[in-house]
């Protein structure tokens, strides 16, 4: 099954804030719709939390409401963004475009 959104590698320290506490992790990859976070311990599927992340071009740390869509030992958790502010949408779109492989160059090779 093909993803709806392009996902690109992006490693940065993040925090996951929920009713349980604040947990640290590191992003592995990101898209306009979600993010893979390497973290331990795992967080149960369906858990709503706030992702705290620094995005290029955004002056303040972003606080993105998210939900855990999958959780796998040794891999981390997959978060789906629930609501993005316009500046976060802009920053993620720019980040994905900047880091995505150039498909035109790949097709020409």
PDB file of N, CA and C in Angstrom:
ATOM      1  N   UNK A   1       0.841  -1.182   0.000  1.00  0.00           N
ATOM      2  CA  UNK A   1       0.000   0.000   0.000  1.00  0.00           C
ATOM      3  C   UNK A   1       0.891   1.253   0.000  1.00  0.00           C
ATOM      4  N   UNK A   2       0.599   2.168  -0.889  1.00  0.00           N
ATOM      5  CA  UNK A   2       1.391   3.390  -1.009  1.00  0.00           C
ATOM      6  C   UNK A   2       0.877   4.456  -0.042  1.00  0.00           C
ATOM      7  N   UNK A   3       1.810   5.203   0.541  1.00  0.00           N
ATOM      8  CA  UNK A   3       1.444   6.272   1.467  1.00  0.00           C
ATOM      9  C   UNK A   3       0.825   7.441   0.715  1.00  0.00           C
ATOM     10  N   UNK A   4      -0.062   8.135   1.395  1.00  0.00           N
ATOM     11  CA  UNK A   4      -0.704   9.316   0.811  1.00  0.00           C
ATOM     12  C   UNK A   4       0.261  10.495   0.751  1.00  0.00           C
ATOM     13  N   UNK A   5       1.199  10.559   1.702  1.00  0.00           N
ATOM     14  CA  UNK A   5       2.132  11.689   1.785  1.00  0.00           C
ATOM     15  C   UNK A   5       3.572  11.210   1.691  1.00  0.00           C
ATOM     16  N   UNK A   6       4.412  11.991   1.024  1.00  0.00           N
ATOM     17  CA  UNK A   6       5.836  11.685   0.942  1.00  0.00           C
ATOM     18  C   UNK A   6       6.463  11.793   2.320  1.00  0.00           C
ATOM     19  N   UNK A   7       7.265  10.797   2.669  1.00  0.00           N
ATOM     20  CA  UNK A   7       7.940  10.744   3.960  1.00  0.00           C
ATOM     21  C   UNK A   7       9.431  10.911   3.720  1.00  0.00           C
ATOM     22  N   UNK A   8      10.092  11.747   4.523  1.00  0.00           N
ATOM     23  CA  UNK A   8      11.529  11.977   4.368  1.00  0.00           C
ATOM     24  C   UNK A   8      12.230  11.787   5.712  1.00  0.00           C
ATOM     25  N   UNK A   9      13.509  11.415   5.630  1.00  0.00           N
ATOM     26  CA  UNK A   9      14.297  11.278   6.856  1.00  0.00           C
ATOM     27  C   UNK A   9      14.492  12.642   7.484  1.00  0.00           C
ATOM     28  N   UNK A  10      14.318  12.683   8.806  1.00  0.00           N
ATOM     29  CA  UNK A  10      14.522  13.928   9.551  1.00  0.00           C
ATOM     30  C   UNK A  10      14.763  13.546  11.003  1.00  0.00           C
ATOM     31  N   UNK A  11      16.009  13.673  11.445  1.00  0.00           N
ATOM     32  CA  UNK A  11      16.352  13.298  12.813  1.00  0.00           C
ATOM     33  C   UNK A  11      16.520  14.538  13.679  1.00  0.00           C
ATOM     34  N   UNK A  12      15.715  14.586  14.721  1.00  0.00           N
ATOM     35  CA  UNK A  12      15.792  15.681  15.691  1.00  0.00           C
ATOM     36  C   UNK A  12      15.169  15.190  17.002  1.00  0.00           C
ATOM     37  N   UNK A  13      15.668  15.694  18.106  1.00  0.00           N
ATOM     38  CA  UNK A  13      15.091  15.341  19.404  1.00  0.00           C
ATOM     39  C   UNK A  13      13.702  15.940  19.518  1.00  0.00           C
ATOM     40  N   UNK A  14      12.768  15.144  20.047  1.00  0.00           N
ATOM     41  CA  UNK A  14      11.388  15.587  20.243  1.00  0.00           C
ATOM     42  C   UNK A  14      10.942  15.206  21.651  1.00  0.00           C
ATOM     43  N   UNK A  15       9.827  15.778  22.059  1.00  0.00           N
ATOM     44  CA  UNK A  15       9.202  15.396  23.320  1.00  0.00           C
ATOM     45  C   UNK A  15       7.756  15.043  23.034  1.00  0.00           C
ATOM     46  N   UNK A  16       7.257  14.062  23.770  1.00  0.00           N
ATOM     47  CA  UNK A  16       5.879  13.613  23.655  1.00  0.00           C
ATOM     48  C   UNK A  16       5.201  13.906  24.989  1.00  0.00           C
ATOM     49  N   UNK A  17       4.230  14.787  24.959  1.00  0.00           N
ATOM     50  CA  UNK A  17       3.582  15.226  26.189  1.00  0.00           C
ATOM     51  C   UNK A  17       2.159  14.669  26.226  1.00  0.00           C
ATOM     52  N   UNK A  18       1.886  13.884  27.259  1.00  0.00           N
ATOM     53  CA  UNK A  18       0.556  13.313  27.420  1.00  0.00           C
ATOM     54  C   UNK A  18       0.138  13.364  28.864  1.00  0.00           C
ATOM     55  N   UNK A  19      -0.984  12.741  29.136  1.00  0.00           N
ATOM     56  CA  UNK A  19      -1.478  12.753  30.507  1.00  0.00           C
ATOM     57  C   UNK A  19      -0.573  11.933  31.427  1.00  0.00           C
ATOM     58  N   UNK A  20       0.241  11.056  30.831  1.00  0.00           N
ATOM     59  CA  UNK A  20       1.115  10.170  31.597  1.00  0.00           C
ATOM     60  C   UNK A  20       2.388  10.862  32.049  1.00  0.00           C
ATOM     61  N   UNK A  21       2.883  11.820  31.313  1.00  0.00           N
ATOM     62  CA  UNK A  21       4.139  12.522  31.609  1.00  0.00           C
ATOM     63  C   UNK A  21       4.717  13.045  30.310  1.00  0.00           C
ATOM     64  N   UNK A  22       5.959  13.499  30.385  1.00  0.00           N
ATOM     65  CA  UNK A  22       6.684  13.915  29.179  1.00  0.00           C
ATOM     66  C   UNK A  22       7.727  12.841  28.886  1.00  0.00           C
ATOM     67  N   UNK A  23       7.759  12.407  27.635  1.00  0.00           N
ATOM     68  CA  UNK A  23       8.689  11.363  27.221  1.00  0.00           C
ATOM     69  C   UNK A  23       9.541  11.903  26.073  1.00  0.00           C
ATOM     70  N   UNK A  24      10.808  11.587  26.085  1.00  0.00           N
ATOM     71  CA  UNK A  24      11.710  12.045  25.029  1.00  0.00           C
ATOM     72  C   UNK A  24      11.868  10.964  23.966  1.00  0.00           C
ATOM     73  N   UNK A  25      12.183  11.425  22.757  1.00  0.00           N
ATOM     74  CA  UNK A  25      12.432  10.506  21.660  1.00  0.00           C
ATOM     75  C   UNK A  25      13.184  11.232  20.568  1.00  0.00           C
ATOM     76  N   UNK A  26      13.389  10.539  19.454  1.00  0.00           N
ATOM     77  CA  UNK A  26      14.035  11.168  18.305  1.00  0.00           C
ATOM     78  C   UNK A  26      13.249  10.814  17.051  1.00  0.00           C
ATOM     79  N   UNK A  27      12.990  11.849  16.256  1.00  0.00           N
ATOM     80  CA  UNK A  27      12.285  11.599  15.008  1.00  0.00           C
ATOM     81  C   UNK A  27      13.172  10.768  14.087  1.00  0.00           C
ATOM     82  N   UNK A  28      12.530   9.946  13.262  1.00  0.00           N
ATOM     83  CA  UNK A  28      13.230   9.123  12.276  1.00  0.00           C
ATOM     84  C   UNK A  28      12.892   9.635  10.884  1.00  0.00           C
ATOM     85  N   UNK A  29      11.589   9.816  10.638  1.00  0.00           N
ATOM     86  CA  UNK A  29      11.140  10.393   9.383  1.00  0.00           C
ATOM     87  C   UNK A  29       9.832  11.131   9.616  1.00  0.00           C
ATOM     88  N   UNK A  30       9.481  11.984   8.638  1.00  0.00           N
ATOM     89  CA  UNK A  30       8.325  12.853   8.814  1.00  0.00           C
ATOM     90  C   UNK A  30       7.641  13.075   7.466  1.00  0.00           C
ATOM     91  N   UNK A  31       6.348  13.352   7.516  1.00  0.00           N
ATOM     92  CA  UNK A  31       5.581  13.754   6.341  1.00  0.00           C
ATOM     93  C   UNK A  31       4.632  14.861   6.782  1.00  0.00           C
ATOM     94  N   UNK A  32       3.842  15.350   5.855  1.00  0.00           N
ATOM     95  CA  UNK A  32       2.861  16.381   6.203  1.00  0.00           C
ATOM     96  C   UNK A  32       1.759  15.796   7.101  1.00  0.00           C
ATOM     97  N   UNK A  33       1.633  14.473   7.123  1.00  0.00           N
ATOM     98  CA  UNK A  33       0.559  13.840   7.895  1.00  0.00           C
ATOM     99  C   UNK A  33       0.970  13.197   9.198  1.00  0.00           C
ATOM    100  N   UNK A  34       2.287  12.984   9.392  1.00  0.00           N
ATOM    101  CA  UNK A  34       2.691  12.300  10.612  1.00  0.00           C
ATOM    102  C   UNK A  34       4.196  12.148  10.728  1.00  0.00           C
ATOM    103  N   UNK A  35       4.600  11.383  11.747  1.00  0.00           N
ATOM    104  CA  UNK A  35       6.021  11.255  12.064  1.00  0.00           C
ATOM    105  C   UNK A  35       6.278   9.907  12.728  1.00  0.00           C
ATOM    106  N   UNK A  36       7.455   9.349  12.458  1.00  0.00           N
ATOM    107  CA  UNK A  36       7.927   8.156  13.158  1.00  0.00           C
ATOM    108  C   UNK A  36       8.905   8.626  14.226  1.00  0.00           C
ATOM    109  N   UNK A  37       8.652   8.214  15.473  1.00  0.00           N
ATOM    110  CA  UNK A  37       9.498   8.612  16.592  1.00  0.00           C
ATOM    111  C   UNK A  37      10.082   7.364  17.255  1.00  0.00           C
ATOM    112  N   UNK A  38      11.404   7.316  17.354  1.00  0.00           N
ATOM    113  CA  UNK A  38      12.080   6.259  18.099  1.00  0.00           C
ATOM    114  C   UNK A  38      12.027   6.650  19.566  1.00  0.00           C
ATOM    115  N   UNK A  39      11.388   5.810  20.372  1.00  0.00           N
ATOM    116  CA  UNK A  39      11.235   6.109  21.792  1.00  0.00           C
ATOM    117  C   UNK A  39      11.078   4.816  22.580  1.00  0.00           C
ATOM    118  N   UNK A  40      11.397   4.893  23.837  1.00  0.00           N
ATOM    119  CA  UNK A  40      11.268   3.743  24.724  1.00  0.00           C
ATOM    120  C   UNK A  40      10.890   4.281  26.095  1.00  0.00           C
ATOM    121  N   UNK A  41       9.866   3.835  26.728  1.00  0.00           N
ATOM    122  CA  UNK A  41       8.996   2.734  26.336  1.00  0.00           C
ATOM    123  C   UNK A  41       7.972   3.166  25.286  1.00  0.00           C
ATOM    124  N   UNK A  42       7.324   2.170  24.698  1.00  0.00           N
ATOM    125  CA  UNK A  42       6.312   2.434  23.688  1.00  0.00           C
ATOM    126  C   UNK A  42       5.060   3.033  24.329  1.00  0.00           C
ATOM    127  N   UNK A  43       4.288   3.716  23.516  1.00  0.00           N
ATOM    128  CA  UNK A  43       3.043   4.334  23.965  1.00  0.00           C
ATOM    129  C   UNK A  43       1.901   3.589  23.277  1.00  0.00           C
ATOM    130  N   UNK A  44       0.842   3.251  23.992  1.00  0.00           N
ATOM    131  CA  UNK A  44      -0.240   2.459  23.407  1.00  0.00           C
ATOM    132  C   UNK A  44      -0.919   3.132  22.200  1.00  0.00           C
ATOM    133  N   UNK A  45      -1.346   2.307  21.247  1.00  0.00           N
ATOM    134  CA  UNK A  45      -2.092   2.771  20.083  1.00  0.00           C
ATOM    135  C   UNK A  45      -3.355   3.483  20.554  1.00  0.00           C
ATOM    136  N   UNK A  46      -3.670   4.598  19.904  1.00  0.00           N
ATOM    137  CA  UNK A  46      -4.867   5.363  20.242  1.00  0.00           C
ATOM    138  C   UNK A  46      -4.632   6.470  21.252  1.00  0.00           C
ATOM    139  N   UNK A  47      -3.444   6.500  21.849  1.00  0.00           N
ATOM    140  CA  UNK A  47      -3.126   7.537  22.830  1.00  0.00           C
ATOM    141  C   UNK A  47      -3.013   8.897  22.145  1.00  0.00           C
ATOM    142  N   UNK A  48      -3.696   9.890  22.697  1.00  0.00           N
ATOM    143  CA  UNK A  48      -3.579  11.261  22.197  1.00  0.00           C
ATOM    144  C   UNK A  48      -2.503  11.967  23.005  1.00  0.00           C
ATOM    145  N   UNK A  49      -1.661  12.701  22.297  1.00  0.00           N
ATOM    146  CA  UNK A  49      -0.581  13.419  22.964  1.00  0.00           C
ATOM    147  C   UNK A  49      -0.219  14.652  22.152  1.00  0.00           C
ATOM    148  N   UNK A  50       0.686  15.430  22.699  1.00  0.00           N
ATOM    149  CA  UNK A  50       1.192  16.614  22.006  1.00  0.00           C
ATOM    150  C   UNK A  50       2.657  16.380  21.685  1.00  0.00           C
ATOM    151  N   UNK A  51       2.995  16.518  20.394  1.00  0.00           N
ATOM    152  CA  UNK A  51       4.368  16.402  19.942  1.00  0.00           C
ATOM    153  C   UNK A  51       5.021  17.770  20.028  1.00  0.00           C
ATOM    154  N   UNK A  52       6.142  17.861  20.737  1.00  0.00           N
ATOM    155  CA  UNK A  52       6.927  19.097  20.800  1.00  0.00           C
ATOM    156  C   UNK A  52       8.130  18.903  19.908  1.00  0.00           C
ATOM    157  N   UNK A  53       8.235  19.754  18.867  1.00  0.00           N
ATOM    158  CA  UNK A  53       9.280  19.586  17.862  1.00  0.00           C
ATOM    159  C   UNK A  53       9.712  20.947  17.322  1.00  0.00           C
ATOM    160  N   UNK A  54      10.987  21.054  17.006  1.00  0.00           N
ATOM    161  CA  UNK A  54      11.510  22.248  16.338  1.00  0.00           C
ATOM    162  C   UNK A  54      11.485  21.994  14.838  1.00  0.00           C
ATOM    163  N   UNK A  55      10.841  22.885  14.103  1.00  0.00           N
ATOM    164  CA  UNK A  55      10.795  22.786  12.646  1.00  0.00           C
ATOM    165  C   UNK A  55      11.539  23.961  12.032  1.00  0.00           C
ATOM    166  N   UNK A  56      12.301  23.711  10.961  1.00  0.00           N
ATOM    167  CA  UNK A  56      13.044  24.791  10.311  1.00  0.00           C
ATOM    168  C   UNK A  56      12.112  25.907   9.854  1.00  0.00           C
ATOM    169  N   UNK A  57      12.492  27.145  10.150  1.00  0.00           N
ATOM    170  CA  UNK A  57      11.715  28.301   9.726  1.00  0.00           C
ATOM    171  C   UNK A  57      10.619  28.721  10.688  1.00  0.00           C
ATOM    172  N   UNK A  58      10.410  27.942  11.753  1.00  0.00           N
ATOM    173  CA  UNK A  58       9.398  28.284  12.757  1.00  0.00           C
ATOM    174  C   UNK A  58      10.140  28.776  13.999  1.00  0.00           C
ATOM    175  N   UNK A  59       9.890  30.014  14.414  1.00  0.00           N
ATOM    176  CA  UNK A  59      10.685  30.583  15.507  1.00  0.00           C
ATOM    177  C   UNK A  59      10.496  29.898  16.868  1.00  0.00           C
ATOM    178  N   UNK A  60       9.305  29.407  17.146  1.00  0.00           N
ATOM    179  CA  UNK A  60       9.039  28.775  18.437  1.00  0.00           C
ATOM    180  C   UNK A  60       8.879  27.266  18.270  1.00  0.00           C
ATOM    181  N   UNK A  61       9.069  26.551  19.360  1.00  0.00           N
ATOM    182  CA  UNK A  61       8.873  25.100  19.341  1.00  0.00           C
ATOM    183  C   UNK A  61       7.413  24.800  19.030  1.00  0.00           C
ATOM    184  N   UNK A  62       7.185  23.894  18.088  1.00  0.00           N
ATOM    185  CA  UNK A  62       5.822  23.530  17.695  1.00  0.00           C
ATOM    186  C   UNK A  62       5.228  22.547  18.693  1.00  0.00           C
ATOM    187  N   UNK A  63       3.947  22.700  18.948  1.00  0.00           N
ATOM    188  CA  UNK A  63       3.177  21.809  19.821  1.00  0.00           C
ATOM    189  C   UNK A  63       2.041  21.249  18.968  1.00  0.00           C
ATOM    190  N   UNK A  64       2.238  20.039  18.446  1.00  0.00           N
ATOM    191  CA  UNK A  64       1.316  19.471  17.472  1.00  0.00           C
ATOM    192  C   UNK A  64       0.478  18.361  18.100  1.00  0.00           C
ATOM    193  N   UNK A  65      -0.856  18.561  18.192  1.00  0.00           N
ATOM    194  CA  UNK A  65      -1.732  17.490  18.691  1.00  0.00           C
ATOM    195  C   UNK A  65      -1.630  16.280  17.753  1.00  0.00           C
ATOM    196  N   UNK A  66      -1.417  15.097  18.338  1.00  0.00           N
ATOM    197  CA  UNK A  66      -1.187  13.888  17.550  1.00  0.00           C
ATOM    198  C   UNK A  66      -1.846  12.688  18.223  1.00  0.00           C
ATOM    199  N   UNK A  67      -1.941  11.600  17.457  1.00  0.00           N
ATOM    200  CA  UNK A  67      -2.472  10.349  17.996  1.00  0.00           C
ATOM    201  C   UNK A  67      -1.564   9.207  17.563  1.00  0.00           C
ATOM    202  N   UNK A  68      -1.315   8.255  18.479  1.00  0.00           N
ATOM    203  CA  UNK A  68      -0.474   7.102  18.169  1.00  0.00           C
ATOM    204  C   UNK A  68      -1.278   6.153  17.284  1.00  0.00           C
ATOM    205  N   UNK A  69      -0.777   5.901  16.066  1.00  0.00           N
ATOM    206  CA  UNK A  69      -1.454   5.012  15.114  1.00  0.00           C
ATOM    207  C   UNK A  69      -0.858   3.621  15.104  1.00  0.00           C
ATOM    208  N   UNK A  70       0.437   3.510  15.442  1.00  0.00           N
ATOM    209  CA  UNK A  70       1.047   2.195  15.603  1.00  0.00           C
ATOM    210  C   UNK A  70       2.222   2.303  16.558  1.00  0.00           C
ATOM    211  N   UNK A  71       2.585   1.162  17.130  1.00  0.00           N
ATOM    212  CA  UNK A  71       3.619   1.117  18.154  1.00  0.00           C
ATOM    213  C   UNK A  71       4.314  -0.240  18.046  1.00  0.00           C
ATOM    214  N   UNK A  72       5.606  -0.233  17.695  1.00  0.00           N
ATOM    215  CA  UNK A  72       6.328  -1.493  17.489  1.00  0.00           C
ATOM    216  C   UNK A  72       7.645  -1.475  18.244  1.00  0.00           C
ATOM    217  N   UNK A  73       7.859  -2.516  19.033  1.00  0.00           N
ATOM    218  CA  UNK A  73       9.088  -2.643  19.797  1.00  0.00           C
ATOM    219  C   UNK A  73      10.280  -2.678  18.841  1.00  0.00           C
ATOM    220  N   UNK A  74      11.321  -1.922  19.153  1.00  0.00           N
ATOM    221  CA  UNK A  74      12.511  -1.880  18.328  1.00  0.00           C
ATOM    222  C   UNK A  74      12.413  -0.905  17.166  1.00  0.00           C
ATOM    223  N   UNK A  75      11.233  -0.345  16.953  1.00  0.00           N
ATOM    224  CA  UNK A  75      11.040   0.606  15.860  1.00  0.00           C
ATOM    225  C   UNK A  75      10.580   1.962  16.347  1.00  0.00           C
ATOM    226  N   UNK A  76       9.628   1.980  17.264  1.00  0.00           N
ATOM    227  CA  UNK A  76       9.119   3.236  17.799  1.00  0.00           C
ATOM    228  C   UNK A  76       7.619   3.349  17.633  1.00  0.00           C
ATOM    229  N   UNK A  77       7.157   4.593  17.494  1.00  0.00           N
ATOM    230  CA  UNK A  77       5.727   4.833  17.353  1.00  0.00           C
ATOM    231  C   UNK A  77       5.458   5.707  16.126  1.00  0.00           C
ATOM    232  N   UNK A  78       4.355   5.414  15.486  1.00  0.00           N
ATOM    233  CA  UNK A  78       3.910   6.211  14.355  1.00  0.00           C
ATOM    234  C   UNK A  78       2.816   7.153  14.821  1.00  0.00           C
ATOM    235  N   UNK A  79       3.034   8.441  14.660  1.00  0.00           N
ATOM    236  CA  UNK A  79       2.052   9.440  15.066  1.00  0.00           C
ATOM    237  C   UNK A  79       1.374  10.044  13.849  1.00  0.00           C
ATOM    238  N   UNK A  80       0.078  10.243  13.957  1.00  0.00           N
ATOM    239  CA  UNK A  80      -0.671  10.993  12.951  1.00  0.00           C
ATOM    240  C   UNK A  80      -0.953  12.368  13.536  1.00  0.00           C
ATOM    241  N   UNK A  81      -0.641  13.416  12.774  1.00  0.00           N
ATOM    242  CA  UNK A  81      -0.933  14.765  13.232  1.00  0.00           C
ATOM    243  C   UNK A  81      -2.439  14.979  13.169  1.00  0.00           C
ATOM    244  N   UNK A  82      -3.005  15.557  14.230  1.00  0.00           N
ATOM    245  CA  UNK A  82      -4.438  15.812  14.261  1.00  0.00           C
ATOM    246  C   UNK A  82      -4.784  17.213  13.772  1.00  0.00           C
ATOM    247  N   UNK A  83      -3.949  18.174  14.103  1.00  0.00           N
ATOM    248  CA  UNK A  83      -4.223  19.541  13.682  1.00  0.00           C
ATOM    249  C   UNK A  83      -2.908  20.297  13.568  1.00  0.00           C
ATOM    250  N   UNK A  84      -2.694  20.892  12.388  1.00  0.00           N
ATOM    251  CA  UNK A  84      -1.495  21.688  12.159  1.00  0.00           C
ATOM    252  C   UNK A  84      -1.886  23.146  11.984  1.00  0.00           C
ATOM    253  N   UNK A  85      -1.085  24.039  12.571  1.00  0.00           N
ATOM    254  CA  UNK A  85      -1.265  25.467  12.307  1.00  0.00           C
ATOM    255  C   UNK A  85      -0.716  25.751  10.908  1.00  0.00           C
ATOM    256  N   UNK A  86      -1.140  26.840  10.270  1.00  0.00           N
ATOM    257  CA  UNK A  86      -0.629  27.159   8.935  1.00  0.00           C
ATOM    258  C   UNK A  86       0.897  27.204   8.862  1.00  0.00           C
ATOM    259  N   UNK A  87       1.565  27.757   9.870  1.00  0.00           N
ATOM    260  CA  UNK A  87       3.029  27.840   9.843  1.00  0.00           C
ATOM    261  C   UNK A  87       3.661  26.451   9.920  1.00  0.00           C
ATOM    262  N   UNK A  88       3.028  25.516  10.622  1.00  0.00           N
ATOM    263  CA  UNK A  88       3.535  24.148  10.710  1.00  0.00           C
ATOM    264  C   UNK A  88       3.335  23.421   9.379  1.00  0.00           C
ATOM    265  N   UNK A  89       2.183  23.643   8.748  1.00  0.00           N
ATOM    266  CA  UNK A  89       1.936  23.055   7.430  1.00  0.00           C
ATOM    267  C   UNK A  89       2.969  23.562   6.441  1.00  0.00           C
ATOM    268  N   UNK A  90       3.232  24.869   6.466  1.00  0.00           N
ATOM    269  CA  UNK A  90       4.236  25.468   5.583  1.00  0.00           C
ATOM    270  C   UNK A  90       5.610  24.857   5.839  1.00  0.00           C
ATOM    271  N   UNK A  91       6.016  24.775   7.118  1.00  0.00           N
ATOM    272  CA  UNK A  91       7.351  24.270   7.466  1.00  0.00           C
ATOM    273  C   UNK A  91       7.508  22.798   7.073  1.00  0.00           C
ATOM    274  N   UNK A  92       6.489  21.986   7.318  1.00  0.00           N
ATOM    275  CA  UNK A  92       6.573  20.566   6.958  1.00  0.00           C
ATOM    276  C   UNK A  92       6.593  20.372   5.448  1.00  0.00           C
ATOM    277  N   UNK A  93       5.791  21.148   4.730  1.00  0.00           N
ATOM    278  CA  UNK A  93       5.783  21.065   3.267  1.00  0.00           C
ATOM    279  C   UNK A  93       7.156  21.423   2.709  1.00  0.00           C
ATOM    280  N   UNK A  94       7.736  22.499   3.216  1.00  0.00           N
ATOM    281  CA  UNK A  94       9.068  22.925   2.769  1.00  0.00           C
ATOM    282  C   UNK A  94      10.121  21.877   3.132  1.00  0.00           C
ATOM    283  N   UNK A  95      10.046  21.325   4.335  1.00  0.00           N
ATOM    284  CA  UNK A  95      10.988  20.305   4.786  1.00  0.00           C
ATOM    285  C   UNK A  95      10.932  19.079   3.878  1.00  0.00           C
ATOM    286  N   UNK A  96       9.732  18.611   3.574  1.00  0.00           N
ATOM    287  CA  UNK A  96       9.571  17.431   2.714  1.00  0.00           C
ATOM    288  C   UNK A  96      10.099  17.717   1.310  1.00  0.00           C
ATOM    289  N   UNK A  97       9.763  18.870   0.774  1.00  0.00           N
ATOM    290  CA  UNK A  97      10.247  19.220  -0.576  1.00  0.00           C
ATOM    291  C   UNK A  97      11.765  19.324  -0.615  1.00  0.00           C
ATOM    292  N   UNK A  98      12.356  19.863   0.428  1.00  0.00           N
ATOM    293  CA  UNK A  98      13.807  20.049   0.488  1.00  0.00           C
ATOM    294  C   UNK A  98      14.542  18.723   0.622  1.00  0.00           C
ATOM    295  N   UNK A  99      13.977  17.770   1.381  1.00  0.00           N
ATOM    296  CA  UNK A  99      14.646  16.511   1.676  1.00  0.00           C
ATOM    297  C   UNK A  99      14.245  15.354   0.762  1.00  0.00           C
ATOM    298  N   UNK A 100      13.181  15.515  -0.015  1.00  0.00           N
ATOM    299  CA  UNK A 100      12.711  14.435  -0.880  1.00  0.00           C
ATOM    300  C   UNK A 100      13.682  14.225  -2.029  1.00  0.00           C
ATOM    301  N   UNK A 101      13.896  12.961  -2.402  1.00  0.00           N
ATOM    302  CA  UNK A 101      14.754  12.707  -3.567  1.00  0.00           C
ATOM    303  C   UNK A 101      14.117  13.339  -4.808  1.00  0.00           C
ATOM    304  N   UNK A 102      14.944  13.849  -5.683  1.00  0.00           N
ATOM    305  CA  UNK A 102      14.457  14.473  -6.906  1.00  0.00           C
ATOM    306  C   UNK A 102      14.080  13.372  -7.891  1.00  0.00           C
ATOM    307  N   UNK A 103      12.790  13.122  -8.046  1.00  0.00           N
ATOM    308  CA  UNK A 103      12.318  12.022  -8.888  1.00  0.00           C
ATOM    309  C   UNK A 103      12.630  12.263 -10.359  1.00  0.00           C
ATOM    310  N   UNK A 104      12.706  13.516 -10.802  1.00  0.00           N
ATOM    311  CA  UNK A 104      13.048  13.793 -12.193  1.00  0.00           C
ATOM    312  C   UNK A 104      14.476  13.372 -12.490  1.00  0.00           C
ATOM    313  N   UNK A 105      15.420  13.656 -11.562  1.00  0.00           N
ATOM    314  CA  UNK A 105      16.810  13.252 -11.751  1.00  0.00           C
ATOM    315  C   UNK A 105      16.924  11.730 -11.755  1.00  0.00           C
ATOM    316  N   UNK A 106      16.175  11.076 -10.863  1.00  0.00           N
ATOM    317  CA  UNK A 106      16.222   9.612 -10.756  1.00  0.00           C
ATOM    318  C   UNK A 106      15.696   8.971 -12.050  1.00  0.00           C
ATOM    319  N   UNK A 107      14.644   9.542 -12.644  1.00  0.00           N
ATOM    320  CA  UNK A 107      14.065   8.989 -13.864  1.00  0.00           C
ATOM    321  C   UNK A 107      15.014   9.175 -15.050  1.00  0.00           C
ATOM    322  N   UNK A 108      15.810  10.234 -15.026  1.00  0.00           N
ATOM    323  CA  UNK A 108      16.724  10.526 -16.133  1.00  0.00           C
ATOM    324  C   UNK A 108      17.952   9.605 -16.104  1.00  0.00           C
ATOM    325  N   UNK A 109      18.285   9.026 -14.946  1.00  0.00           N
ATOM    326  CA  UNK A 109      19.490   8.192 -14.825  1.00  0.00           C
ATOM    327  C   UNK A 109      19.315   6.850 -15.497  1.00  0.00           C
TER     328      UNK A 109
END
